[in-house]
Amino acid sequence: MHDSNALPGKSNRVGARWCTKVLLGLEAARKYFPHSEVEVTGTPVRAEFRNLPPKEEALAKFGLQPGRPVVLSFGGSQGAMRINTLVAEASRESGDRVQWLQIAGRADEARVKGLVGGRVNHTVTGFCDDMPSAYAAGDLVISRSGGASLTEVAFLGKPSVLVPYPFAADDHQTRNAESFEKAGAAVLARERDLDGGRLAGIVGDLLGAPDKLQAMASAMRALSVDDSAGMICDVIEGACG
């Protein structure tokens, strides 16, 4: 059995008793399996994330300029309307000193483009089929804190502002974000506490502190397992004799 979250799913917590081994994406989840044989293997990432394009090439792909920081935001494959609104407002508050690459989700693309208007420092797209380039362009990430997104930002060492989905099962996204914040890899920003100005302030504080961003990047990488897929395969082969 494998679970990617800091708070494992209920079915996994119950079903662990019948498992030869429990594999985890995060060390924080170990405490939920006191009677199981546990190994922290991380969670595999797509092979394309192992070789990001050069930053200059990625910036050009999205119409962004070198020399100014880029905030990458996304809310998962379907987007996230509240995050989209907050990012559009934060972009307005931040002025021209920050560039924004916002993956809004197809269903919300038109609305977000209307909020952003003609700001040339803010690129909005409904869907991105080249996430390696998006990550290569971004200096700071704003996203939800589901297991898949966190696996990617950790593997790539991307400092992040995490806005948990407040209605996730067992509030597991908040637990994920708390574990990343405790590790020094991210800032946890609860949706209920945010408006555009507050989000702009968080972004400005982080981008204005390069040493802190570098420390967060290192902490992010420390939460990742480089060869997660290989480790999982080894465990499966070992269990099969």
Foldseek 3Di string as FASTA:
>chain_A
DEAQFLDGDPCCLVPQVVDQEYEYQFPSNVVSCPPGHYDDLHDDDDPVLVDFDAQVVLCVVQQHDPPAAEEEEAEPQQADVLVLQLQLLLDVVQPDRYAYEYQGAPVCQVVSCVSNDPPSRYGYDPDDPCVSSSVSNHQEYEYAQDRRVLQSCLQQLHQYEHEHDCPPVVSRSVVRQVVLVVLLQYHYDYSVNDHNVVVNVVVVVVVVDVVSSVVNSVSSPVSYRNPSVVVVVVVVVVVVD
